[in-house]
Amino acid sequence: MGFEPQQLGKWLVAIGAVIIGVGLLTMLLGKTSLFRLPGDFDFGGKNWRVYIPLGTSVVLSILLTLVFWLLRYFRR
């Protein structure tokens, strides 16, 4: 059971499409306050800045958990 080059090409195209979709979604949603939730830490000095998206990470984790749970539920 080998991994054919055509299958690899299809997977790479699919992964690229997902990355492009996530990038476009991030650009569109970046203009809203979605990525500046309470619990996100932003601090820095004159020439540096650190952003720790703790609140956003928790919300995305919950959403992805629900999506994958629903997918698993409806596949049965």
PDB file of N, CA and C in Angstrom:
ATOM      1  N   MET A   1       0.857  -1.171   0.000  1.00  0.00           N
ATOM      2  CA  MET A   1       0.000   0.000   0.000  1.00  0.00           C
ATOM      3  C   MET A   1       0.899   1.228   0.000  1.00  0.00           C
ATOM      4  N   GLY A   2       1.109   1.810  -1.153  1.00  0.00           N
ATOM      5  CA  GLY A   2       1.975   2.972  -1.270  1.00  0.00           C
ATOM      6  C   GLY A   2       1.186   4.261  -1.345  1.00  0.00           C
ATOM      7  N   PHE A   3       1.894   5.308  -1.160  1.00  0.00           N
ATOM      8  CA  PHE A   3       1.295   6.632  -1.242  1.00  0.00           C
ATOM      9  C   PHE A   3       1.669   7.211  -2.599  1.00  0.00           C
ATOM     10  N   GLU A   4       0.723   7.300  -3.503  1.00  0.00           N
ATOM     11  CA  GLU A   4       0.991   7.731  -4.870  1.00  0.00           C
ATOM     12  C   GLU A   4       1.201   9.238  -4.936  1.00  0.00           C
ATOM     13  N   PRO A   5       1.998   9.695  -5.903  1.00  0.00           N
ATOM     14  CA  PRO A   5       2.242  11.137  -6.045  1.00  0.00           C
ATOM     15  C   PRO A   5       0.965  11.939  -6.303  1.00  0.00           C
ATOM     16  N   GLN A   6      -0.009  11.343  -7.004  1.00  0.00           N
ATOM     17  CA  GLN A   6      -1.258  12.067  -7.259  1.00  0.00           C
ATOM     18  C   GLN A   6      -2.031  12.303  -5.975  1.00  0.00           C
ATOM     19  N   GLN A   7      -2.018  11.324  -5.087  1.00  0.00           N
ATOM     20  CA  GLN A   7      -2.693  11.501  -3.798  1.00  0.00           C
ATOM     21  C   GLN A   7      -2.000  12.586  -2.982  1.00  0.00           C
ATOM     22  N   LEU A   8      -0.670  12.576  -3.000  1.00  0.00           N
ATOM     23  CA  LEU A   8       0.083  13.598  -2.282  1.00  0.00           C
ATOM     24  C   LEU A   8      -0.241  14.983  -2.833  1.00  0.00           C
ATOM     25  N   GLY A   9      -0.323  15.100  -4.150  1.00  0.00           N
ATOM     26  CA  GLY A   9      -0.664  16.377  -4.765  1.00  0.00           C
ATOM     27  C   GLY A   9      -2.048  16.856  -4.359  1.00  0.00           C
ATOM     28  N   LYS A  10      -3.007  15.956  -4.310  1.00  0.00           N
ATOM     29  CA  LYS A  10      -4.367  16.326  -3.904  1.00  0.00           C
ATOM     30  C   LYS A  10      -4.389  16.794  -2.452  1.00  0.00           C
ATOM     31  N   TRP A  11      -3.649  16.097  -1.583  1.00  0.00           N
ATOM     32  CA  TRP A  11      -3.589  16.491  -0.177  1.00  0.00           C
ATOM     33  C   TRP A  11      -2.935  17.854  -0.021  1.00  0.00           C
ATOM     34  N   LEU A  12      -1.868  18.101  -0.779  1.00  0.00           N
ATOM     35  CA  LEU A  12      -1.195  19.398  -0.679  1.00  0.00           C
ATOM     36  C   LEU A  12      -2.094  20.535  -1.161  1.00  0.00           C
ATOM     37  N   VAL A  13      -2.852  20.297  -2.228  1.00  0.00           N
ATOM     38  CA  VAL A  13      -3.795  21.311  -2.715  1.00  0.00           C
ATOM     39  C   VAL A  13      -4.885  21.562  -1.682  1.00  0.00           C
ATOM     40  N   ALA A  14      -5.399  20.495  -1.070  1.00  0.00           N
ATOM     41  CA  ALA A  14      -6.444  20.651  -0.061  1.00  0.00           C
ATOM     42  C   ALA A  14      -5.917  21.406   1.160  1.00  0.00           C
ATOM     43  N   ILE A  15      -4.722  21.077   1.610  1.00  0.00           N
ATOM     44  CA  ILE A  15      -4.130  21.765   2.759  1.00  0.00           C
ATOM     45  C   ILE A  15      -3.877  23.232   2.425  1.00  0.00           C
ATOM     46  N   GLY A  16      -3.416  23.501   1.207  1.00  0.00           N
ATOM     47  CA  GLY A  16      -3.199  24.885   0.780  1.00  0.00           C
ATOM     48  C   GLY A  16      -4.500  25.678   0.748  1.00  0.00           C
ATOM     49  N   ALA A  17      -5.573  25.038   0.275  1.00  0.00           N
ATOM     50  CA  ALA A  17      -6.868  25.716   0.232  1.00  0.00           C
ATOM     51  C   ALA A  17      -7.359  26.037   1.641  1.00  0.00           C
ATOM     52  N   VAL A  18      -7.148  25.122   2.568  1.00  0.00           N
ATOM     53  CA  VAL A  18      -7.549  25.369   3.957  1.00  0.00           C
ATOM     54  C   VAL A  18      -6.738  26.521   4.545  1.00  0.00           C
ATOM     55  N   ILE A  19      -5.443  26.543   4.284  1.00  0.00           N
ATOM     56  CA  ILE A  19      -4.595  27.623   4.802  1.00  0.00           C
ATOM     57  C   ILE A  19      -5.026  28.969   4.218  1.00  0.00           C
ATOM     58  N   ILE A  20      -5.339  29.004   2.924  1.00  0.00           N
ATOM     59  CA  ILE A  20      -5.810  30.244   2.295  1.00  0.00           C
ATOM     60  C   ILE A  20      -7.138  30.672   2.909  1.00  0.00           C
ATOM     61  N   GLY A  21      -8.046  29.714   3.131  1.00  0.00           N
ATOM     62  CA  GLY A  21      -9.333  30.036   3.740  1.00  0.00           C
ATOM     63  C   GLY A  21      -9.189  30.593   5.145  1.00  0.00           C
ATOM     64  N   VAL A  22      -8.323  29.988   5.934  1.00  0.00           N
ATOM     65  CA  VAL A  22      -8.093  30.481   7.298  1.00  0.00           C
ATOM     66  C   VAL A  22      -7.465  31.870   7.258  1.00  0.00           C
ATOM     67  N   GLY A  23      -6.545  32.089   6.326  1.00  0.00           N
ATOM     68  CA  GLY A  23      -5.919  33.402   6.198  1.00  0.00           C
ATOM     69  C   GLY A  23      -6.923  34.474   5.811  1.00  0.00           C
ATOM     70  N   LEU A  24      -7.784  34.174   4.848  1.00  0.00           N
ATOM     71  CA  LEU A  24      -8.811  35.142   4.442  1.00  0.00           C
ATOM     72  C   LEU A  24      -9.796  35.415   5.573  1.00  0.00           C
ATOM     73  N   LEU A  25     -10.186  34.362   6.274  1.00  0.00           N
ATOM     74  CA  LEU A  25     -11.098  34.536   7.400  1.00  0.00           C
ATOM     75  C   LEU A  25     -10.462  35.381   8.494  1.00  0.00           C
ATOM     76  N   THR A  26      -9.190  35.154   8.753  1.00  0.00           N
ATOM     77  CA  THR A  26      -8.479  35.941   9.757  1.00  0.00           C
ATOM     78  C   THR A  26      -8.393  37.406   9.344  1.00  0.00           C
ATOM     79  N   MET A  27      -8.133  37.660   8.072  1.00  0.00           N
ATOM     80  CA  MET A  27      -8.066  39.045   7.592  1.00  0.00           C
ATOM     81  C   MET A  27      -9.418  39.736   7.720  1.00  0.00           C
ATOM     82  N   LEU A  28     -10.488  39.025   7.374  1.00  0.00           N
ATOM     83  CA  LEU A  28     -11.819  39.633   7.448  1.00  0.00           C
ATOM     84  C   LEU A  28     -12.267  39.839   8.890  1.00  0.00           C
ATOM     85  N   LEU A  29     -12.009  38.850   9.738  1.00  0.00           N
ATOM     86  CA  LEU A  29     -12.441  38.960  11.128  1.00  0.00           C
ATOM     87  C   LEU A  29     -11.483  39.790  11.971  1.00  0.00           C
ATOM     88  N   GLY A  30     -10.299  40.040  11.464  1.00  0.00           N
ATOM     89  CA  GLY A  30      -9.338  40.851  12.200  1.00  0.00           C
ATOM     90  C   GLY A  30      -9.775  42.295  12.340  1.00  0.00           C
ATOM     91  N   LYS A  31     -10.653  42.736  11.450  1.00  0.00           N
ATOM     92  CA  LYS A  31     -11.158  44.105  11.520  1.00  0.00           C
ATOM     93  C   LYS A  31     -12.225  44.260  12.596  1.00  0.00           C
ATOM     94  N   THR A  32     -12.775  43.144  13.049  1.00  0.00           N
ATOM     95  CA  THR A  32     -13.744  43.189  14.141  1.00  0.00           C
ATOM     96  C   THR A  32     -12.996  43.000  15.450  1.00  0.00           C
ATOM     97  N   SER A  33     -13.696  42.968  16.531  1.00  0.00           N
ATOM     98  CA  SER A  33     -13.051  42.798  17.830  1.00  0.00           C
ATOM     99  C   SER A  33     -12.997  41.336  18.251  1.00  0.00           C
ATOM    100  N   LEU A  34     -13.116  40.414  17.289  1.00  0.00           N
ATOM    101  CA  LEU A  34     -13.107  38.993  17.620  1.00  0.00           C
ATOM    102  C   LEU A  34     -11.796  38.576  18.260  1.00  0.00           C
ATOM    103  N   PHE A  35     -10.695  39.127  17.806  1.00  0.00           N
ATOM    104  CA  PHE A  35      -9.400  38.729  18.316  1.00  0.00           C
ATOM    105  C   PHE A  35      -8.909  39.621  19.451  1.00  0.00           C
ATOM    106  N   ARG A  36      -9.757  40.414  20.022  1.00  0.00           N
ATOM    107  CA  ARG A  36      -9.421  41.245  21.180  1.00  0.00           C
ATOM    108  C   ARG A  36     -10.449  41.003  22.276  1.00  0.00           C
ATOM    109  N   LEU A  37     -10.534  39.767  22.713  1.00  0.00           N
ATOM    110  CA  LEU A  37     -11.496  39.408  23.748  1.00  0.00           C
ATOM    111  C   LEU A  37     -10.943  39.710  25.132  1.00  0.00           C
ATOM    112  N   PRO A  38     -11.827  39.832  26.123  1.00  0.00           N
ATOM    113  CA  PRO A  38     -11.331  39.944  27.492  1.00  0.00           C
ATOM    114  C   PRO A  38     -10.543  38.678  27.834  1.00  0.00           C
ATOM    115  N   GLY A  39      -9.429  38.840  28.458  1.00  0.00           N
ATOM    116  CA  GLY A  39      -8.566  37.708  28.761  1.00  0.00           C
ATOM    117  C   GLY A  39      -7.381  37.616  27.817  1.00  0.00           C
ATOM    118  N   ASP A  40      -7.376  38.421  26.762  1.00  0.00           N
ATOM    119  CA  ASP A  40      -6.229  38.506  25.867  1.00  0.00           C
ATOM    120  C   ASP A  40      -5.272  39.548  26.444  1.00  0.00           C
ATOM    121  N   PHE A  41      -4.039  39.163  26.610  1.00  0.00           N
ATOM    122  CA  PHE A  41      -3.047  40.050  27.212  1.00  0.00           C
ATOM    123  C   PHE A  41      -2.200  40.692  26.131  1.00  0.00           C
ATOM    124  N   ASP A  42      -2.016  41.998  26.241  1.00  0.00           N
ATOM    125  CA  ASP A  42      -1.241  42.766  25.270  1.00  0.00           C
ATOM    126  C   ASP A  42      -0.381  43.755  26.051  1.00  0.00           C
ATOM    127  N   PHE A  43       0.907  43.570  25.999  1.00  0.00           N
ATOM    128  CA  PHE A  43       1.797  44.481  26.703  1.00  0.00           C
ATOM    129  C   PHE A  43       3.096  44.621  25.934  1.00  0.00           C
ATOM    130  N   GLY A  44       3.834  45.670  26.231  1.00  0.00           N
ATOM    131  CA  GLY A  44       5.102  45.880  25.546  1.00  0.00           C
ATOM    132  C   GLY A  44       5.717  47.206  25.920  1.00  0.00           C
ATOM    133  N   GLY A  45       6.807  47.478  25.246  1.00  0.00           N
ATOM    134  CA  GLY A  45       7.532  48.703  25.490  1.00  0.00           C
ATOM    135  C   GLY A  45       7.549  49.569  24.248  1.00  0.00           C
ATOM    136  N   LYS A  46       8.581  50.389  24.133  1.00  0.00           N
ATOM    137  CA  LYS A  46       8.677  51.319  23.017  1.00  0.00           C
ATOM    138  C   LYS A  46       8.912  50.595  21.685  1.00  0.00           C
ATOM    139  N   ASN A  47       9.764  49.583  21.689  1.00  0.00           N
ATOM    140  CA  ASN A  47      10.129  48.910  20.447  1.00  0.00           C
ATOM    141  C   ASN A  47       9.708  47.450  20.377  1.00  0.00           C
ATOM    142  N   TRP A  48       8.864  46.999  21.276  1.00  0.00           N
ATOM    143  CA  TRP A  48       8.437  45.608  21.248  1.00  0.00           C
ATOM    144  C   TRP A  48       7.022  45.472  21.796  1.00  0.00           C
ATOM    145  N   ARG A  49       6.359  44.413  21.413  1.00  0.00           N
ATOM    146  CA  ARG A  49       4.992  44.155  21.857  1.00  0.00           C
ATOM    147  C   ARG A  49       4.790  42.655  21.948  1.00  0.00           C
ATOM    148  N   VAL A  50       4.120  42.213  23.009  1.00  0.00           N
ATOM    149  CA  VAL A  50       3.781  40.806  23.205  1.00  0.00           C
ATOM    150  C   VAL A  50       2.262  40.702  23.308  1.00  0.00           C
ATOM    151  N   TYR A  51       1.692  39.799  22.536  1.00  0.00           N
ATOM    152  CA  TYR A  51       0.246  39.585  22.542  1.00  0.00           C
ATOM    153  C   TYR A  51      -0.004  38.115  22.866  1.00  0.00           C
ATOM    154  N   ILE A  52      -0.714  37.848  23.964  1.00  0.00           N
ATOM    155  CA  ILE A  52      -1.036  36.486  24.373  1.00  0.00           C
ATOM    156  C   ILE A  52      -2.560  36.331  24.317  1.00  0.00           C
ATOM    157  N   PRO A  53      -3.064  35.653  23.284  1.00  0.00           N
ATOM    158  CA  PRO A  53      -4.522  35.554  23.082  1.00  0.00           C
ATOM    159  C   PRO A  53      -5.160  34.432  23.891  1.00  0.00           C
ATOM    160  N   LEU A  54      -5.153  34.550  25.214  1.00  0.00           N
ATOM    161  CA  LEU A  54      -5.687  33.502  26.072  1.00  0.00           C
ATOM    162  C   LEU A  54      -7.207  33.365  25.927  1.00  0.00           C
ATOM    163  N   GLY A  55      -7.928  34.458  25.963  1.00  0.00           N
ATOM    164  CA  GLY A  55      -9.388  34.414  25.823  1.00  0.00           C
ATOM    165  C   GLY A  55      -9.818  33.897  24.460  1.00  0.00           C
ATOM    166  N   THR A  56      -9.148  34.352  23.410  1.00  0.00           N
ATOM    167  CA  THR A  56      -9.456  33.894  22.059  1.00  0.00           C
ATOM    168  C   THR A  56      -9.177  32.403  21.924  1.00  0.00           C
ATOM    169  N   SER A  57      -8.090  31.931  22.534  1.00  0.00           N
ATOM    170  CA  SER A  57      -7.745  30.509  22.472  1.00  0.00           C
ATOM    171  C   SER A  57      -8.817  29.650  23.139  1.00  0.00           C
ATOM    172  N   VAL A  58      -9.337  30.110  24.253  1.00  0.00           N
ATOM    173  CA  VAL A  58     -10.381  29.359  24.948  1.00  0.00           C
ATOM    174  C   VAL A  58     -11.653  29.298  24.100  1.00  0.00           C
ATOM    175  N   VAL A  59     -12.048  30.421  23.515  1.00  0.00           N
ATOM    176  CA  VAL A  59     -13.260  30.455  22.682  1.00  0.00           C
ATOM    177  C   VAL A  59     -13.088  29.563  21.456  1.00  0.00           C
ATOM    178  N   LEU A  60     -11.946  29.637  20.780  1.00  0.00           N
ATOM    179  CA  LEU A  60     -11.710  28.797  19.609  1.00  0.00           C
ATOM    180  C   LEU A  60     -11.669  27.324  19.983  1.00  0.00           C
ATOM    181  N   SER A  61     -11.112  27.008  21.128  1.00  0.00           N
ATOM    182  CA  SER A  61     -11.071  25.624  21.577  1.00  0.00           C
ATOM    183  C   SER A  61     -12.482  25.075  21.804  1.00  0.00           C
ATOM    184  N   ILE A  62     -13.310  25.860  22.432  1.00  0.00           N
ATOM    185  CA  ILE A  62     -14.695  25.425  22.668  1.00  0.00           C
ATOM    186  C   ILE A  62     -15.438  25.249  21.350  1.00  0.00           C
ATOM    187  N   LEU A  63     -15.287  26.201  20.431  1.00  0.00           N
ATOM    188  CA  LEU A  63     -15.963  26.100  19.135  1.00  0.00           C
ATOM    189  C   LEU A  63     -15.494  24.889  18.337  1.00  0.00           C
ATOM    190  N   LEU A  64     -14.185  24.657  18.289  1.00  0.00           N
ATOM    191  CA  LEU A  64     -13.672  23.507  17.557  1.00  0.00           C
ATOM    192  C   LEU A  64     -14.091  22.193  18.203  1.00  0.00           C
ATOM    193  N   THR A  65     -14.159  22.162  19.521  1.00  0.00           N
ATOM    194  CA  THR A  65     -14.634  20.963  20.210  1.00  0.00           C
ATOM    195  C   THR A  65     -16.076  20.668  19.827  1.00  0.00           C
ATOM    196  N   LEU A  66     -16.908  21.695  19.785  1.00  0.00           N
ATOM    197  CA  LEU A  66     -18.311  21.498  19.391  1.00  0.00           C
ATOM    198  C   LEU A  66     -18.434  21.048  17.939  1.00  0.00           C
ATOM    199  N   VAL A  67     -17.653  21.649  17.052  1.00  0.00           N
ATOM    200  CA  VAL A  67     -17.707  21.273  15.632  1.00  0.00           C
ATOM    201  C   VAL A  67     -17.299  19.817  15.450  1.00  0.00           C
ATOM    202  N   PHE A  68     -16.186  19.410  16.055  1.00  0.00           N
ATOM    203  CA  PHE A  68     -15.735  18.034  15.900  1.00  0.00           C
ATOM    204  C   PHE A  68     -16.677  17.045  16.588  1.00  0.00           C
ATOM    205  N   TRP A  69     -17.281  17.447  17.701  1.00  0.00           N
ATOM    206  CA  TRP A  69     -18.253  16.585  18.352  1.00  0.00           C
ATOM    207  C   TRP A  69     -19.472  16.389  17.453  1.00  0.00           C
ATOM    208  N   LEU A  70     -19.949  17.481  16.831  1.00  0.00           N
ATOM    209  CA  LEU A  70     -21.092  17.371  15.924  1.00  0.00           C
ATOM    210  C   LEU A  70     -20.764  16.512  14.709  1.00  0.00           C
ATOM    211  N   LEU A  71     -19.575  16.682  14.155  1.00  0.00           N
ATOM    212  CA  LEU A  71     -19.175  15.844  13.023  1.00  0.00           C
ATOM    213  C   LEU A  71     -19.152  14.367  13.411  1.00  0.00           C
ATOM    214  N   ARG A  72     -18.616  14.072  14.569  1.00  0.00           N
ATOM    215  CA  ARG A  72     -18.551  12.690  15.035  1.00  0.00           C
ATOM    216  C   ARG A  72     -19.962  12.156  15.328  1.00  0.00           C
ATOM    217  N   TYR A  73     -20.810  13.018  15.866  1.00  0.00           N
ATOM    218  CA  TYR A  73     -22.174  12.602  16.194  1.00  0.00           C
ATOM    219  C   TYR A  73     -22.960  12.251  14.945  1.00  0.00           C
ATOM    220  N   PHE A  74     -22.853  13.053  13.891  1.00  0.00           N
ATOM    221  CA  PHE A  74     -23.630  12.823  12.686  1.00  0.00           C
ATOM    222  C   PHE A  74     -23.016  11.771  11.765  1.00  0.00           C
ATOM    223  N   ARG A  75     -21.782  11.370  11.997  1.00  0.00           N
ATOM    224  CA  ARG A  75     -21.181  10.302  11.195  1.00  0.00           C
ATOM    225  C   ARG A  75     -21.631   8.925  11.646  1.00  0.00           C
ATOM    226  N   ARG A  76     -22.147   8.817  12.840  1.00  0.00           N
ATOM    227  CA  ARG A  76     -22.580   7.512  13.357  1.00  0.00           C
ATOM    228  C   ARG A  76     -23.801   7.018  12.666  1.00  0.00           C
TER     229      ARG A  76
END
